[in-house]
Amino acid sequence: MALTSTGTLTDAARADGVGVAAFNVITLEHAEAVIMAAEAAALPVVLAISENAVKFRRGRLGPLAAACRVLAEEAAVPVALHLDHVESVELLRAAEGSGIGSVMFDASRLPYAQNVAATADAAAWAHERGITLEAELGEVGGKPGHPALDAHAPGARTDPAEAAAYVRATGVDALAVAVGSSHAMLDRTAALDHDLIARLRAAVDIPLVLHGSSGVPDAELRAAVAAGMTKINVGTALNIAYTGTLREHLAATPNRADPRPSLTAARESTATTITTLLRVITAKP
């Protein structure tokens, strides 16, 4: 399958009444696990690289993006590349020519007027280069380096009327909304506001994106897609499977120097987690 775009996948998912899954990757093994799982499930998928993942790679987007692009081009299912939670304009611009077809430009911590101005500029730049732009309105808590925010705190949720005005003012192609999830949750206890999701879906005619989905139970994910969510972002769930298996495998083989058996086990465990999530997110209501 050829490398595809996030917009192509979200358009098809909306038309079919299902979700499309985006998985955040940090290592090559993460990315390989995503492709293995997508091929096993015969489902399309989005490989997402966050700004924090780029920082981990010493500020260089190119090596991981290039590896993901090759994996996408050689995959047996459609795969899109996405750059996630970008606050740096320099990193946004590094997406050009990398195979990345969509960027989530995150100006959500700025005051509303500054968020609109920065996001509109980012969208205009991206559209000139055939890149679609996602943004966030409201605040999905749990981001690294940000104060903890209760997902149910006043002002945390995305307002439908404000969302409609924001989309008109910025020209973004997808909108991440705050509806009760939180980043980096280690347990699956988040309760989403499905009525709010439905009202947001009615207010804006672009794909809605759920961030912090690792903490959302399967039934809640299905209900979120049924209510109007299209792109479902998952990251921490992969890391739980990966690091948990790696820790167990290394502890069980203390005299082994070769890292490959442990990395293989971690990759396979992660792929199993991803396959399950893919089937939940893409199931028809």
Protein backbone atom coordinates (compact mmCIF):
# COMPACT_ATOMS: atom_id res chain seq x y z
CA MET A 1 0.00 0.00 0.00
CA ALA A 2 1.17 3.51 -0.73
CA LEU A 3 1.64 6.05 2.02
CA THR A 4 -1.69 7.82 2.47
CA SER A 5 -2.87 10.95 4.27
CA THR A 6 -4.63 11.36 7.59
CA GLY A 7 -7.35 13.34 5.83
CA THR A 8 -8.04 10.44 3.48
CA LEU A 9 -8.40 8.08 6.45
CA THR A 10 -10.60 10.39 8.52
CA ASP A 11 -12.84 11.19 5.53
CA ALA A 12 -13.37 7.48 4.89
CA ALA A 13 -13.97 6.77 8.58
CA ARG A 14 -16.58 9.55 8.88
CA ALA A 15 -18.36 8.29 5.78
CA ASP A 16 -18.44 4.77 7.24
CA GLY A 17 -19.44 5.85 10.74
CA VAL A 18 -16.32 4.45 12.41
CA GLY A 19 -13.16 5.77 14.02
CA VAL A 20 -9.56 5.80 12.85
CA ALA A 21 -6.75 5.12 15.32
CA ALA A 22 -3.56 7.18 15.64
CA PHE A 23 -0.76 5.68 17.72
CA ASN A 24 2.12 7.73 19.11
CA VAL A 25 5.50 6.11 18.50
CA ILE A 26 8.85 6.79 20.15
CA THR A 27 11.10 3.98 18.95
CA LEU A 28 11.38 1.96 15.78
CA GLU A 29 9.93 -1.00 17.68
CA HIS A 30 6.85 1.06 18.55
CA ALA A 31 6.34 1.89 14.88
CA GLU A 32 6.89 -1.71 13.80
CA ALA A 33 4.35 -2.87 16.39
CA VAL A 34 1.75 -0.47 14.99
CA ILE A 35 2.26 -1.77 11.46
CA MET A 36 2.24 -5.41 12.62
CA ALA A 37 -1.05 -4.83 14.43
CA ALA A 38 -2.68 -2.92 11.58
CA GLU A 39 -1.73 -5.63 9.12
CA ALA A 40 -2.99 -8.36 11.46
CA ALA A 41 -6.33 -6.54 11.77
CA ALA A 42 -6.38 -5.51 8.08
CA LEU A 43 -7.15 -1.93 9.13
CA PRO A 44 -5.71 1.49 8.24
CA VAL A 45 -3.76 3.38 10.87
CA VAL A 46 -1.97 6.64 11.64
CA LEU A 47 1.63 6.68 12.90
CA ALA A 48 2.06 9.76 15.10
CA ILE A 49 5.32 11.36 16.22
CA SER A 50 5.00 13.92 19.01
CA GLU A 51 7.19 16.92 19.71
CA ASN A 52 8.30 15.16 22.90
CA ALA A 53 9.36 12.12 20.86
CA VAL A 54 11.42 14.43 18.65
CA LYS A 55 13.04 15.95 21.74
CA PHE A 56 13.93 12.44 22.89
CA ARG A 57 15.62 11.91 19.51
CA ARG A 58 17.85 14.92 20.30
CA GLY A 59 15.61 17.32 18.44
CA ARG A 60 15.88 15.52 15.10
CA LEU A 61 12.62 14.66 13.34
CA GLY A 62 14.27 13.19 10.24
CA PRO A 63 15.50 9.75 11.36
CA LEU A 64 12.26 8.56 12.99
CA ALA A 65 10.08 10.17 10.32
CA ALA A 66 12.13 8.50 7.59
CA ALA A 67 11.83 5.10 9.26
CA CYS A 68 8.07 5.55 9.67
CA ARG A 69 7.75 6.60 6.05
CA VAL A 70 9.47 3.43 4.83
CA LEU A 71 7.30 1.29 7.11
CA ALA A 72 4.19 3.04 5.76
CA GLU A 73 5.24 2.63 2.14
CA GLU A 74 5.90 -1.09 2.62
CA ALA A 75 2.80 -1.82 4.71
CA ALA A 76 -0.03 -4.03 3.45
CA VAL A 77 -2.61 -1.53 4.77
CA PRO A 78 -3.01 2.26 4.34
CA VAL A 79 -0.78 4.18 6.77
CA ALA A 80 -0.62 7.93 7.34
CA LEU A 81 2.10 9.90 9.11
CA HIS A 82 1.18 12.59 11.64
CA LEU A 83 3.20 15.07 13.73
CA ASP A 84 1.55 15.50 17.13
CA HIS A 85 1.33 18.22 19.79
CA VAL A 86 3.65 20.61 18.01
CA GLU A 87 4.23 23.90 19.80
CA SER A 88 7.37 24.84 17.89
CA VAL A 89 6.94 26.62 14.55
CA GLU A 90 10.35 25.28 13.53
CA LEU A 91 9.19 21.70 14.05
CA LEU A 92 5.96 22.40 12.16
CA ARG A 93 8.00 23.54 9.19
CA ALA A 94 10.29 20.50 9.44
CA ALA A 95 7.29 18.38 8.39
CA GLU A 96 7.57 19.65 4.82
CA GLY A 97 8.98 16.97 2.52
CA SER A 98 9.14 14.31 5.25
CA GLY A 99 6.10 12.31 4.19
CA ILE A 100 4.11 13.68 7.12
CA GLY A 101 0.65 14.61 5.84
CA SER A 102 -0.89 16.12 8.96
CA VAL A 103 0.25 18.13 11.97
CA MET A 104 -1.45 18.80 15.29
CA PHE A 105 -0.39 22.37 16.10
CA ASP A 106 -0.97 22.85 19.83
CA ALA A 107 -1.51 26.46 20.88
CA SER A 108 -4.10 25.46 23.49
CA ARG A 109 -2.19 26.92 26.44
CA LEU A 110 -2.25 30.40 24.86
CA PRO A 111 -5.06 32.88 25.54
CA TYR A 112 -7.89 32.40 23.05
CA ALA A 113 -7.04 35.31 20.72
CA GLN A 114 -3.36 34.32 20.55
CA ASN A 115 -4.33 30.67 20.01
CA VAL A 116 -6.51 31.70 17.06
CA ALA A 117 -3.82 33.90 15.49
CA ALA A 118 -1.01 31.34 15.86
CA THR A 119 -3.17 28.47 14.64
CA ALA A 120 -4.50 30.41 11.65
CA ASP A 121 -0.91 31.17 10.60
CA ALA A 122 0.06 27.51 11.03
CA ALA A 123 -2.96 26.35 9.01
CA ALA A 124 -2.21 28.76 6.17
CA TRP A 125 1.41 27.57 6.01
CA ALA A 126 0.37 23.91 6.11
CA HIS A 127 -2.34 24.24 3.46
CA GLU A 128 0.09 25.86 1.02
CA ARG A 129 2.11 22.64 1.24
CA GLY A 130 -0.72 20.13 1.12
CA ILE A 131 -0.52 19.34 4.84
CA THR A 132 -3.68 19.21 6.94
CA LEU A 133 -3.72 20.89 10.33
CA GLU A 134 -5.31 19.75 13.58
CA ALA A 135 -5.63 22.05 16.59
CA GLU A 136 -6.91 21.83 20.16
CA LEU A 137 -9.58 23.89 21.89
CA GLY A 138 -10.27 23.40 25.56
CA GLU A 139 -7.55 21.68 27.53
CA VAL A 140 -6.88 17.97 27.66
CA GLY A 141 -4.87 17.57 30.86
CA GLY A 142 -1.86 15.42 31.61
CA LYS A 143 0.61 16.94 29.14
CA PRO A 144 4.29 16.75 30.16
CA GLY A 145 5.53 20.01 31.62
CA HIS A 146 2.04 21.37 32.25
CA PRO A 147 0.27 21.60 35.62
CA ALA A 148 -2.16 18.79 36.28
CA LEU A 149 -5.70 19.65 35.24
CA ASP A 150 -8.83 17.84 36.32
CA ALA A 151 -10.65 16.79 33.15
CA HIS A 152 -13.88 17.86 34.86
CA ALA A 153 -12.62 21.27 36.07
CA PRO A 154 -14.60 24.39 35.07
CA GLY A 155 -13.31 25.69 31.75
CA ALA A 156 -11.56 22.46 30.81
CA ARG A 157 -14.29 21.28 28.44
CA THR A 158 -14.61 22.53 24.87
CA ASP A 159 -17.61 24.79 24.27
CA PRO A 160 -19.50 23.96 21.02
CA ALA A 161 -20.24 27.57 20.07
CA GLU A 162 -16.64 28.56 20.70
CA ALA A 163 -15.49 25.53 18.70
CA ALA A 164 -17.55 26.62 15.70
CA ALA A 165 -16.14 30.14 15.86
CA TYR A 166 -12.60 28.79 16.31
CA VAL A 167 -12.83 26.53 13.26
CA ARG A 168 -14.15 29.41 11.13
CA ALA A 169 -11.40 31.77 12.35
CA THR A 170 -8.47 29.36 11.96
CA GLY A 171 -9.41 27.19 8.98
CA VAL A 172 -8.18 24.02 10.71
CA ASP A 173 -8.98 20.61 9.24
CA ALA A 174 -9.54 18.66 12.49
CA LEU A 175 -10.22 19.67 16.07
CA ALA A 176 -9.01 17.99 19.26
CA VAL A 177 -11.60 18.60 21.97
CA ALA A 178 -11.68 18.28 25.74
CA VAL A 179 -14.56 15.98 26.73
CA GLY A 180 -13.28 14.20 29.83
CA SER A 181 -10.08 12.37 28.86
CA SER A 182 -6.58 13.14 30.09
CA HIS A 183 -3.11 12.37 28.76
CA ALA A 184 -0.79 9.82 30.35
CA MET A 185 -3.41 7.94 32.37
CA LEU A 186 -2.15 4.58 33.61
CA ASP A 187 -5.61 3.17 34.33
CA ARG A 188 -8.70 3.12 32.11
CA THR A 189 -11.16 5.02 34.27
CA ALA A 190 -11.96 8.14 32.23
CA ALA A 191 -15.67 8.93 31.79
CA LEU A 192 -16.44 10.97 28.67
CA ASP A 193 -19.21 13.50 28.14
CA HIS A 194 -20.98 11.87 25.18
CA ASP A 195 -23.70 14.53 25.04
CA LEU A 196 -20.98 17.17 24.63
CA ILE A 197 -19.34 15.10 21.88
CA ALA A 198 -22.65 15.00 20.00
CA ARG A 199 -23.11 18.77 20.39
CA LEU A 200 -19.57 19.40 19.16
CA ARG A 201 -20.18 17.10 16.21
CA ALA A 202 -23.26 19.16 15.31
CA ALA A 203 -21.37 22.44 15.73
CA VAL A 204 -18.36 21.76 13.48
CA ASP A 205 -18.10 19.98 10.14
CA ILE A 206 -14.55 18.67 10.50
CA PRO A 207 -13.24 15.51 12.20
CA LEU A 208 -13.19 15.59 16.00
CA VAL A 209 -10.14 14.13 17.72
CA LEU A 210 -9.92 12.45 21.11
CA HIS A 211 -6.58 12.81 22.88
CA GLY A 212 -5.71 10.92 26.07
CA SER A 213 -7.54 7.82 24.88
CA SER A 214 -5.32 5.35 26.77
CA GLY A 215 -7.32 6.08 29.92
CA VAL A 216 -10.70 5.52 28.24
CA PRO A 217 -12.40 2.10 28.61
CA ASP A 218 -13.42 0.18 25.49
CA ALA A 219 -17.14 0.85 25.94
CA GLU A 220 -16.48 4.56 26.35
CA LEU A 221 -14.35 4.60 23.19
CA ARG A 222 -17.11 2.90 21.20
CA ALA A 223 -19.67 5.36 22.53
CA ALA A 224 -17.39 8.30 21.73
CA VAL A 225 -17.09 7.21 18.10
CA ALA A 226 -20.86 6.68 17.91
CA ALA A 227 -21.41 10.18 19.31
CA GLY A 228 -19.15 11.81 16.73
CA MET A 229 -15.44 11.31 17.44
CA THR A 230 -13.40 10.30 14.38
CA LYS A 231 -9.67 10.23 15.18
CA ILE A 232 -8.70 8.47 18.40
CA ASN A 233 -5.16 9.12 19.66
CA VAL A 234 -3.39 6.53 21.82
CA GLY A 235 0.09 6.68 23.30
CA THR A 236 0.46 5.65 26.94
CA ALA A 237 -1.23 2.26 26.42
CA LEU A 238 1.59 1.32 24.04
CA ASN A 239 4.21 2.36 26.57
CA ILE A 240 2.55 0.35 29.34
CA ALA A 241 2.69 -2.80 27.21
CA TYR A 242 6.19 -2.07 25.89
CA THR A 243 7.97 -1.16 29.12
CA GLY A 244 6.08 -3.70 31.21
CA THR A 245 7.09 -6.58 28.95
CA LEU A 246 10.63 -5.26 28.56
CA ARG A 247 11.03 -4.98 32.34
CA GLU A 248 9.77 -8.52 32.91
CA HIS A 249 11.88 -10.00 30.13
CA LEU A 250 15.09 -8.31 31.26
CA ALA A 251 14.50 -9.35 34.85
CA ALA A 252 13.98 -12.96 33.76
CA THR A 253 17.22 -13.06 31.73
CA PRO A 254 19.80 -11.10 33.78
CA ASN A 255 22.79 -12.77 32.12
CA ARG A 256 21.77 -12.07 28.54
CA ALA A 257 23.59 -9.19 26.80
CA ASP A 258 21.74 -9.34 23.47
CA PRO A 259 18.79 -6.90 23.70
CA ARG A 260 16.92 -8.37 20.72
CA PRO A 261 14.91 -11.10 22.48
CA SER A 262 13.64 -8.58 25.04
CA LEU A 263 12.88 -5.99 22.38
CA THR A 264 11.11 -8.63 20.30
CA ALA A 265 8.89 -9.56 23.25
CA ALA A 266 8.14 -5.90 23.94
CA ARG A 267 7.28 -5.25 20.29
CA GLU A 268 4.95 -8.26 20.14
CA SER A 269 3.20 -7.33 23.39
CA THR A 270 2.69 -3.80 22.11
CA ALA A 271 1.29 -5.10 18.83
CA THR A 272 -1.24 -7.23 20.73
CA THR A 273 -2.44 -4.17 22.66
CA ILE A 274 -2.70 -2.16 19.45
CA THR A 275 -4.66 -4.85 17.61
CA THR A 276 -7.28 -4.89 20.37
CA LEU A 277 -7.58 -1.10 20.38
CA LEU A 278 -7.80 -0.95 16.58
CA ARG A 279 -10.77 -3.29 16.59
CA VAL A 280 -12.52 -1.30 19.31
CA ILE A 281 -11.98 2.07 17.62
CA THR A 282 -12.94 0.94 14.12
CA ALA A 283 -15.98 -1.15 15.10
CA LYS A 284 -19.26 -0.01 13.60
CA PRO A 285 -21.81 1.20 16.20
